PDB file of N, CA and C in Angstrom:
ATOM      1  N   MET A   1     -15.748  12.182   5.564  1.00  0.00           N
ATOM      2  CA  MET A   1     -14.584  11.657   6.241  1.00  0.00           C
ATOM      3  C   MET A   1     -14.140  10.360   5.563  1.00  0.00           C
ATOM      4  N   GLU A   2     -12.836  10.192   5.389  1.00  0.00           N
ATOM      5  CA  GLU A   2     -12.271   9.026   4.719  1.00  0.00           C
ATOM      6  C   GLU A   2     -12.336   7.799   5.624  1.00  0.00           C
ATOM      7  N   PRO A   3     -12.809   6.657   5.080  1.00  0.00           N
ATOM      8  CA  PRO A   3     -12.888   5.456   5.917  1.00  0.00           C
ATOM      9  C   PRO A   3     -11.493   4.969   6.295  1.00  0.00           C
ATOM     10  N   ASN A   4     -11.410   4.329   7.440  1.00  0.00           N
ATOM     11  CA  ASN A   4     -10.150   3.792   7.925  1.00  0.00           C
ATOM     12  C   ASN A   4      -9.793   2.575   7.069  1.00  0.00           C
ATOM     13  N   LEU A   5      -8.729   2.698   6.275  1.00  0.00           N
ATOM     14  CA  LEU A   5      -8.335   1.641   5.351  1.00  0.00           C
ATOM     15  C   LEU A   5      -8.002   0.350   6.086  1.00  0.00           C
ATOM     16  N   ASN A   6      -7.338   0.468   7.210  1.00  0.00           N
ATOM     17  CA  ASN A   6      -6.986  -0.712   7.998  1.00  0.00           C
ATOM     18  C   ASN A   6      -8.240  -1.455   8.447  1.00  0.00           C
ATOM     19  N   GLN A   7      -9.230  -0.713   8.879  1.00  0.00           N
ATOM     20  CA  GLN A   7     -10.488  -1.307   9.329  1.00  0.00           C
ATOM     21  C   GLN A   7     -11.210  -1.978   8.157  1.00  0.00           C
ATOM     22  N   GLU A   8     -11.188  -1.336   6.985  1.00  0.00           N
ATOM     23  CA  GLU A   8     -11.804  -1.912   5.792  1.00  0.00           C
ATOM     24  C   GLU A   8     -11.151  -3.252   5.440  1.00  0.00           C
ATOM     25  N   ARG A   9      -9.820  -3.286   5.511  1.00  0.00           N
ATOM     26  CA  ARG A   9      -9.101  -4.526   5.206  1.00  0.00           C
ATOM     27  C   ARG A   9      -9.443  -5.624   6.211  1.00  0.00           C
ATOM     28  N   GLN A  10      -9.516  -5.263   7.467  1.00  0.00           N
ATOM     29  CA  GLN A  10      -9.857  -6.252   8.500  1.00  0.00           C
ATOM     30  C   GLN A  10     -11.258  -6.815   8.267  1.00  0.00           C
ATOM     31  N   GLN A  11     -12.188  -5.955   7.899  1.00  0.00           N
ATOM     32  CA  GLN A  11     -13.550  -6.423   7.633  1.00  0.00           C
ATOM     33  C   GLN A  11     -13.581  -7.339   6.409  1.00  0.00           C
ATOM     34  N   ALA A  12     -12.815  -6.985   5.385  1.00  0.00           N
ATOM     35  CA  ALA A  12     -12.752  -7.821   4.185  1.00  0.00           C
ATOM     36  C   ALA A  12     -12.160  -9.191   4.514  1.00  0.00           C
ATOM     37  N   HIS A  13     -11.099  -9.207   5.318  1.00  0.00           N
ATOM     38  CA  HIS A  13     -10.496 -10.478   5.729  1.00  0.00           C
ATOM     39  C   HIS A  13     -11.476 -11.313   6.544  1.00  0.00           C
ATOM     40  N   ALA A  14     -12.209 -10.673   7.418  1.00  0.00           N
ATOM     41  CA  ALA A  14     -13.188 -11.392   8.239  1.00  0.00           C
ATOM     42  C   ALA A  14     -14.265 -12.028   7.359  1.00  0.00           C
ATOM     43  N   LEU A  15     -14.713 -11.296   6.345  1.00  0.00           N
ATOM     44  CA  LEU A  15     -15.712 -11.843   5.428  1.00  0.00           C
ATOM     45  C   LEU A  15     -15.145 -13.020   4.635  1.00  0.00           C
ATOM     46  N   LEU A  16     -13.898 -12.896   4.207  1.00  0.00           N
ATOM     47  CA  LEU A  16     -13.260 -14.000   3.485  1.00  0.00           C
ATOM     48  C   LEU A  16     -13.161 -15.246   4.358  1.00  0.00           C
ATOM     49  N   ASP A  17     -12.826 -15.041   5.621  1.00  0.00           N
ATOM     50  CA  ASP A  17     -12.708 -16.171   6.545  1.00  0.00           C
ATOM     51  C   ASP A  17     -14.043 -16.878   6.755  1.00  0.00           C
ATOM     52  N   MET A  18     -15.143 -16.173   6.585  1.00  0.00           N
ATOM     53  CA  MET A  18     -16.470 -16.765   6.795  1.00  0.00           C
ATOM     54  C   MET A  18     -16.994 -17.474   5.545  1.00  0.00           C
ATOM     55  N   LEU A  19     -16.362 -17.245   4.405  1.00  0.00           N
ATOM     56  CA  LEU A  19     -16.842 -17.844   3.158  1.00  0.00           C
ATOM     57  C   LEU A  19     -16.624 -19.351   3.139  1.00  0.00           C
ATOM     58  N   PRO A  20     -17.595 -20.080   2.591  1.00  0.00           N
ATOM     59  CA  PRO A  20     -17.367 -21.508   2.381  1.00  0.00           C
ATOM     60  C   PRO A  20     -16.297 -21.702   1.299  1.00  0.00           C
ATOM     61  N   ALA A  21     -15.564 -22.792   1.384  1.00  0.00           N
ATOM     62  CA  ALA A  21     -14.439 -23.044   0.477  1.00  0.00           C
ATOM     63  C   ALA A  21     -14.845 -22.975  -0.989  1.00  0.00           C
ATOM     64  N   GLU A  22     -16.041 -23.454  -1.327  1.00  0.00           N
ATOM     65  CA  GLU A  22     -16.451 -23.480  -2.733  1.00  0.00           C
ATOM     66  C   GLU A  22     -16.684 -22.087  -3.312  1.00  0.00           C
ATOM     67  N   LYS A  23     -16.850 -21.081  -2.475  1.00  0.00           N
ATOM     68  CA  LYS A  23     -17.063 -19.714  -2.974  1.00  0.00           C
ATOM     69  C   LYS A  23     -15.777 -18.890  -2.964  1.00  0.00           C
ATOM     70  N   LEU A  24     -14.761 -19.384  -2.302  1.00  0.00           N
ATOM     71  CA  LEU A  24     -13.512 -18.643  -2.175  1.00  0.00           C
ATOM     72  C   LEU A  24     -12.838 -18.433  -3.534  1.00  0.00           C
ATOM     73  N   ASN A  25     -12.861 -19.435  -4.394  1.00  0.00           N
ATOM     74  CA  ASN A  25     -12.243 -19.312  -5.712  1.00  0.00           C
ATOM     75  C   ASN A  25     -12.910 -18.214  -6.536  1.00  0.00           C
ATOM     76  N   ALA A  26     -14.226 -18.106  -6.449  1.00  0.00           N
ATOM     77  CA  ALA A  26     -14.944 -17.067  -7.196  1.00  0.00           C
ATOM     78  C   ALA A  26     -14.540 -15.675  -6.716  1.00  0.00           C
ATOM     79  N   VAL A  27     -14.397 -15.521  -5.414  1.00  0.00           N
ATOM     80  CA  VAL A  27     -14.003 -14.218  -4.857  1.00  0.00           C
ATOM     81  C   VAL A  27     -12.569 -13.891  -5.257  1.00  0.00           C
ATOM     82  N   ARG A  28     -11.692 -14.887  -5.217  1.00  0.00           N
ATOM     83  CA  ARG A  28     -10.305 -14.664  -5.622  1.00  0.00           C
ATOM     84  C   ARG A  28     -10.250 -14.227  -7.084  1.00  0.00           C
ATOM     85  N   SER A  29     -11.019 -14.889  -7.939  1.00  0.00           N
ATOM     86  CA  SER A  29     -11.054 -14.520  -9.358  1.00  0.00           C
ATOM     87  C   SER A  29     -11.556 -13.092  -9.546  1.00  0.00           C
ATOM     88  N   LEU A  30     -12.576 -12.723  -8.805  1.00  0.00           N
ATOM     89  CA  LEU A  30     -13.110 -11.366  -8.886  1.00  0.00           C
ATOM     90  C   LEU A  30     -12.060 -10.340  -8.466  1.00  0.00           C
ATOM     91  N   LEU A  31     -11.342 -10.630  -7.399  1.00  0.00           N
ATOM     92  CA  LEU A  31     -10.289  -9.715  -6.949  1.00  0.00           C
ATOM     93  C   LEU A  31      -9.196  -9.583  -8.011  1.00  0.00           C
ATOM     94  N   GLU A  32      -8.842 -10.691  -8.648  1.00  0.00           N
ATOM     95  CA  GLU A  32      -7.833 -10.631  -9.704  1.00  0.00           C
ATOM     96  C   GLU A  32      -8.301  -9.745 -10.852  1.00  0.00           C
ATOM     97  N   VAL A  33      -9.546  -9.880 -11.239  1.00  0.00           N
ATOM     98  CA  VAL A  33     -10.093  -9.061 -12.324  1.00  0.00           C
ATOM     99  C   VAL A  33     -10.088  -7.589 -11.933  1.00  0.00           C
ATOM    100  N   MET A  34     -10.438  -7.311 -10.690  1.00  0.00           N
ATOM    101  CA  MET A  34     -10.465  -5.921 -10.227  1.00  0.00           C
ATOM    102  C   MET A  34      -9.063  -5.323 -10.215  1.00  0.00           C
ATOM    103  N   LEU A  35      -8.057  -6.141  -9.932  1.00  0.00           N
ATOM    104  CA  LEU A  35      -6.691  -5.638  -9.857  1.00  0.00           C
ATOM    105  C   LEU A  35      -6.029  -5.528 -11.221  1.00  0.00           C
ATOM    106  N   GLU A  36      -6.315  -6.466 -12.103  1.00  0.00           N
ATOM    107  CA  GLU A  36      -5.677  -6.452 -13.407  1.00  0.00           C
ATOM    108  C   GLU A  36      -6.607  -7.057 -14.456  1.00  0.00           C
ATOM    109  N   PRO A  37      -7.604  -6.297 -14.892  1.00  0.00           N
ATOM    110  CA  PRO A  37      -8.621  -6.850 -15.780  1.00  0.00           C
ATOM    111  C   PRO A  37      -8.103  -7.289 -17.148  1.00  0.00           C
ATOM    112  N   LEU A  38      -7.176  -6.564 -17.736  1.00  0.00           N
ATOM    113  CA  LEU A  38      -6.715  -6.915 -19.074  1.00  0.00           C
ATOM    114  C   LEU A  38      -5.956  -8.236 -19.065  1.00  0.00           C
ATOM    115  N   ALA A  39      -5.029  -8.394 -18.124  1.00  0.00           N
ATOM    116  CA  ALA A  39      -4.244  -9.625 -18.071  1.00  0.00           C
ATOM    117  C   ALA A  39      -5.139 -10.829 -17.828  1.00  0.00           C
ATOM    118  N   ARG A  40      -6.107 -10.666 -16.959  1.00  0.00           N
ATOM    119  CA  ARG A  40      -7.024 -11.774 -16.660  1.00  0.00           C
ATOM    120  C   ARG A  40      -7.863 -12.117 -17.895  1.00  0.00           C
ATOM    121  N   SER A  41      -8.365 -11.105 -18.560  1.00  0.00           N
ATOM    122  CA  SER A  41      -9.181 -11.342 -19.751  1.00  0.00           C
ATOM    123  C   SER A  41      -8.383 -12.036 -20.845  1.00  0.00           C
ATOM    124  N   LEU A  42      -7.148 -11.596 -21.039  1.00  0.00           N
ATOM    125  CA  LEU A  42      -6.311 -12.221 -22.056  1.00  0.00           C
ATOM    126  C   LEU A  42      -5.985 -13.666 -21.711  1.00  0.00           C
ATOM    127  N   ALA A  43      -5.749 -13.917 -20.426  1.00  0.00           N
ATOM    128  CA  ALA A  43      -5.427 -15.278 -20.001  1.00  0.00           C
ATOM    129  C   ALA A  43      -6.598 -16.225 -20.216  1.00  0.00           C
ATOM    130  N   LEU A  44      -7.805 -15.719 -20.082  1.00  0.00           N
ATOM    131  CA  LEU A  44      -8.986 -16.566 -20.204  1.00  0.00           C
ATOM    132  C   LEU A  44      -9.570 -16.601 -21.617  1.00  0.00           C
ATOM    133  N   ALA A  45      -9.062 -15.748 -22.490  1.00  0.00           N
ATOM    134  CA  ALA A  45      -9.617 -15.670 -23.847  1.00  0.00           C
ATOM    135  C   ALA A  45      -9.255 -16.917 -24.646  1.00  0.00           C
ATOM    136  N   SER A  46     -10.180 -17.346 -25.451  1.00  0.00           N
ATOM    137  CA  SER A  46      -9.899 -18.503 -26.298  1.00  0.00           C
ATOM    138  C   SER A  46      -9.024 -18.067 -27.471  1.00  0.00           C
ATOM    139  N   VAL A  47      -8.204 -18.985 -27.916  1.00  0.00           N
ATOM    140  CA  VAL A  47      -7.320 -18.706 -29.040  1.00  0.00           C
ATOM    141  C   VAL A  47      -8.085 -19.000 -30.323  1.00  0.00           C
ATOM    142  N   GLU A  48      -8.148 -18.012 -31.173  1.00  0.00           N
ATOM    143  CA  GLU A  48      -8.845 -18.188 -32.442  1.00  0.00           C
ATOM    144  C   GLU A  48      -7.810 -18.374 -33.538  1.00  0.00           C
ATOM    145  N   GLU A  49      -7.779 -19.568 -34.068  1.00  0.00           N
ATOM    146  CA  GLU A  49      -6.856 -19.873 -35.157  1.00  0.00           C
ATOM    147  C   GLU A  49      -7.506 -19.469 -36.477  1.00  0.00           C
ATOM    148  N   GLU A  50      -6.821 -18.633 -37.209  1.00  0.00           N
ATOM    149  CA  GLU A  50      -7.332 -18.214 -38.509  1.00  0.00           C
ATOM    150  C   GLU A  50      -6.565 -18.964 -39.591  1.00  0.00           C
ATOM    151  N   GLU A  51      -7.283 -19.518 -40.529  1.00  0.00           N
ATOM    152  CA  GLU A  51      -6.645 -20.268 -41.604  1.00  0.00           C
ATOM    153  C   GLU A  51      -5.855 -19.317 -42.496  1.00  0.00           C
ATOM    154  N   ILE A  52      -4.652 -19.744 -42.849  1.00  0.00           N
ATOM    155  CA  ILE A  52      -3.824 -18.934 -43.737  1.00  0.00           C
ATOM    156  C   ILE A  52      -4.183 -19.294 -45.171  1.00  0.00           C
ATOM    157  N   THR A  53      -4.637 -18.300 -45.895  1.00  0.00           N
ATOM    158  CA  THR A  53      -5.068 -18.515 -47.283  1.00  0.00           C
ATOM    159  C   THR A  53      -3.845 -18.610 -48.194  1.00  0.00           C
ATOM    160  N   PRO A  54      -4.014 -19.153 -49.380  1.00  0.00           N
ATOM    161  CA  PRO A  54      -2.902 -19.182 -50.345  1.00  0.00           C
ATOM    162  C   PRO A  54      -2.386 -17.778 -50.667  1.00  0.00           C
ATOM    163  N   GLU A  55      -3.282 -16.805 -50.693  1.00  0.00           N
ATOM    164  CA  GLU A  55      -2.871 -15.421 -50.969  1.00  0.00           C
ATOM    165  C   GLU A  55      -1.975 -14.886 -49.851  1.00  0.00           C
ATOM    166  N   THR A  56      -2.353 -15.180 -48.605  1.00  0.00           N
ATOM    167  CA  THR A  56      -1.549 -14.731 -47.466  1.00  0.00           C
ATOM    168  C   THR A  56      -0.195 -15.416 -47.481  1.00  0.00           C
ATOM    169  N   THR A  57      -0.185 -16.712 -47.779  1.00  0.00           N
ATOM    170  CA  THR A  57       1.074 -17.454 -47.861  1.00  0.00           C
ATOM    171  C   THR A  57       1.989 -16.843 -48.915  1.00  0.00           C
ATOM    172  N   ALA A  58       1.435 -16.515 -50.065  1.00  0.00           N
ATOM    173  CA  ALA A  58       2.229 -15.906 -51.140  1.00  0.00           C
ATOM    174  C   ALA A  58       2.770 -14.545 -50.715  1.00  0.00           C
ATOM    175  N   ALA A  59       1.952 -13.755 -50.041  1.00  0.00           N
ATOM    176  CA  ALA A  59       2.391 -12.431 -49.582  1.00  0.00           C
ATOM    177  C   ALA A  59       3.514 -12.557 -48.554  1.00  0.00           C
ATOM    178  N   LEU A  60       3.393 -13.515 -47.637  1.00  0.00           N
ATOM    179  CA  LEU A  60       4.442 -13.725 -46.633  1.00  0.00           C
ATOM    180  C   LEU A  60       5.744 -14.173 -47.283  1.00  0.00           C
ATOM    181  N   GLU A  61       5.646 -15.086 -48.229  1.00  0.00           N
ATOM    182  CA  GLU A  61       6.846 -15.554 -48.933  1.00  0.00           C
ATOM    183  C   GLU A  61       7.505 -14.413 -49.698  1.00  0.00           C
ATOM    184  N   GLY A  62       6.692 -13.567 -50.322  1.00  0.00           N
ATOM    185  CA  GLY A  62       7.228 -12.415 -51.040  1.00  0.00           C
ATOM    186  C   GLY A  62       7.923 -11.438 -50.109  1.00  0.00           C
ATOM    187  N   ALA A  63       7.332 -11.205 -48.959  1.00  0.00           N
ATOM    188  CA  ALA A  63       7.926 -10.286 -47.982  1.00  0.00           C
ATOM    189  C   ALA A  63       9.247 -10.839 -47.460  1.00  0.00           C
ATOM    190  N   ARG A  64       9.279 -12.131 -47.167  1.00  0.00           N
ATOM    191  CA  ARG A  64      10.523 -12.748 -46.670  1.00  0.00           C
ATOM    192  C   ARG A  64      11.617 -12.699 -47.737  1.00  0.00           C
ATOM    193  N   ALA A  65      11.249 -12.945 -48.979  1.00  0.00           N
ATOM    194  CA  ALA A  65      12.222 -12.889 -50.073  1.00  0.00           C
ATOM    195  C   ALA A  65      12.761 -11.471 -50.239  1.00  0.00           C
ATOM    196  N   SER A  66      11.889 -10.492 -50.107  1.00  0.00           N
ATOM    197  CA  SER A  66      12.297  -9.091 -50.212  1.00  0.00           C
ATOM    198  C   SER A  66      13.307  -8.744 -49.119  1.00  0.00           C
ATOM    199  N   LEU A  67      13.033  -9.205 -47.916  1.00  0.00           N
ATOM    200  CA  LEU A  67      13.964  -8.953 -46.809  1.00  0.00           C
ATOM    201  C   LEU A  67      15.292  -9.662 -47.045  1.00  0.00           C
ATOM    202  N   ALA A  68      15.229 -10.887 -47.566  1.00  0.00           N
ATOM    203  CA  ALA A  68      16.451 -11.644 -47.840  1.00  0.00           C
ATOM    204  C   ALA A  68      17.314 -10.941 -48.887  1.00  0.00           C
ATOM    205  N   ARG A  69      16.692 -10.206 -49.794  1.00  0.00           N
ATOM    206  CA  ARG A  69      17.425  -9.449 -50.819  1.00  0.00           C
ATOM    207  C   ARG A  69      17.915  -8.099 -50.290  1.00  0.00           C
ATOM    208  N   GLY A  70      17.631  -7.818 -49.032  1.00  0.00           N
ATOM    209  CA  GLY A  70      18.075  -6.557 -48.439  1.00  0.00           C
ATOM    210  C   GLY A  70      17.200  -5.376 -48.797  1.00  0.00           C
ATOM    211  N   GLU A  71      15.963  -5.631 -49.189  1.00  0.00           N
ATOM    212  CA  GLU A  71      15.068  -4.560 -49.618  1.00  0.00           C
ATOM    213  C   GLU A  71      14.204  -4.007 -48.482  1.00  0.00           C
ATOM    214  N   GLY A  72      14.475  -4.432 -47.267  1.00  0.00           N
ATOM    215  CA  GLY A  72      13.693  -3.947 -46.134  1.00  0.00           C
ATOM    216  C   GLY A  72      14.040  -2.510 -45.784  1.00  0.00           C
ATOM    217  N   ILE A  73      13.229  -1.896 -44.966  1.00  0.00           N
ATOM    218  CA  ILE A  73      13.470  -0.522 -44.515  1.00  0.00           C
ATOM    219  C   ILE A  73      14.172  -0.603 -43.164  1.00  0.00           C
ATOM    220  N   PRO A  74      15.331   0.051 -43.016  1.00  0.00           N
ATOM    221  CA  PRO A  74      16.045   0.014 -41.741  1.00  0.00           C
ATOM    222  C   PRO A  74      15.182   0.553 -40.591  1.00  0.00           C
ATOM    223  N   HIS A  75      15.350  -0.049 -39.442  1.00  0.00           N
ATOM    224  CA  HIS A  75      14.580   0.317 -38.255  1.00  0.00           C
ATOM    225  C   HIS A  75      14.696   1.810 -37.953  1.00  0.00           C
ATOM    226  N   GLU A  76      15.907   2.331 -38.043  1.00  0.00           N
ATOM    227  CA  GLU A  76      16.132   3.751 -37.751  1.00  0.00           C
ATOM    228  C   GLU A  76      15.311   4.644 -38.679  1.00  0.00           C
ATOM    229  N   GLU A  77      15.187   4.232 -39.933  1.00  0.00           N
ATOM    230  CA  GLU A  77      14.413   5.016 -40.896  1.00  0.00           C
ATOM    231  C   GLU A  77      12.925   5.024 -40.536  1.00  0.00           C
ATOM    232  N   VAL A  78      12.421   3.883 -40.116  1.00  0.00           N
ATOM    233  CA  VAL A  78      11.011   3.802 -39.706  1.00  0.00           C
ATOM    234  C   VAL A  78      10.781   4.690 -38.489  1.00  0.00           C
ATOM    235  N   LEU A  79      11.679   4.616 -37.514  1.00  0.00           N
ATOM    236  CA  LEU A  79      11.547   5.464 -36.323  1.00  0.00           C
ATOM    237  C   LEU A  79      11.557   6.941 -36.703  1.00  0.00           C
ATOM    238  N   ARG A  80      12.469   7.302 -37.593  1.00  0.00           N
ATOM    239  CA  ARG A  80      12.576   8.697 -38.038  1.00  0.00           C
ATOM    240  C   ARG A  80      11.292   9.131 -38.748  1.00  0.00           C
ATOM    241  N   GLU A  81      10.745   8.255 -39.584  1.00  0.00           N
ATOM    242  CA  GLU A  81       9.526   8.573 -40.329  1.00  0.00           C
ATOM    243  C   GLU A  81       8.352   8.863 -39.399  1.00  0.00           C
ATOM    244  N   PHE A  82       8.311   8.170 -38.274  1.00  0.00           N
ATOM    245  CA  PHE A  82       7.215   8.374 -37.325  1.00  0.00           C
ATOM    246  C   PHE A  82       7.574   9.367 -36.216  1.00  0.00           C
ATOM    247  N   GLY A  83       8.723  10.018 -36.363  1.00  0.00           N
ATOM    248  CA  GLY A  83       9.124  11.023 -35.385  1.00  0.00           C
ATOM    249  C   GLY A  83       9.476  10.440 -34.029  1.00  0.00           C
ATOM    250  N   LEU A  84      10.035   9.239 -34.030  1.00  0.00           N
ATOM    251  CA  LEU A  84      10.336   8.565 -32.768  1.00  0.00           C
ATOM    252  C   LEU A  84      11.817   8.565 -32.425  1.00  0.00           C
ATOM    253  N   THR A  85      12.602   9.389 -33.116  1.00  0.00           N
ATOM    254  CA  THR A  85      14.025   9.488 -32.797  1.00  0.00           C
ATOM    255  C   THR A  85      14.282  10.812 -32.117  1.00  0.00           C
ATOM    256  N   LYS A  86      15.391  10.853 -31.426  1.00  0.00           N
ATOM    257  CA  LYS A  86      15.752  12.088 -30.702  1.00  0.00           C
ATOM    258  C   LYS A  86      16.426  13.066 -31.616  1.00  0.00           C
TER     259      LYS A  86
END
């Protein structure tokens, strides 16, 4: 038999009301993770800065120059190549 969802919610609220204030934040964080784990993980992840090497800088400059010369591939062509057009 399926549990009464309303009753489950009432019991959860009652337990929350009994929690000391210092534990409430931990429970809230846990609920957030349960509801949306990826967004929470991304928000808490540290930012890793990777040093740009001279080779990477040269490649980026070359790519930008190529685009400035009009040598890029049109968006529609890329979509067509991957079968993403109607």
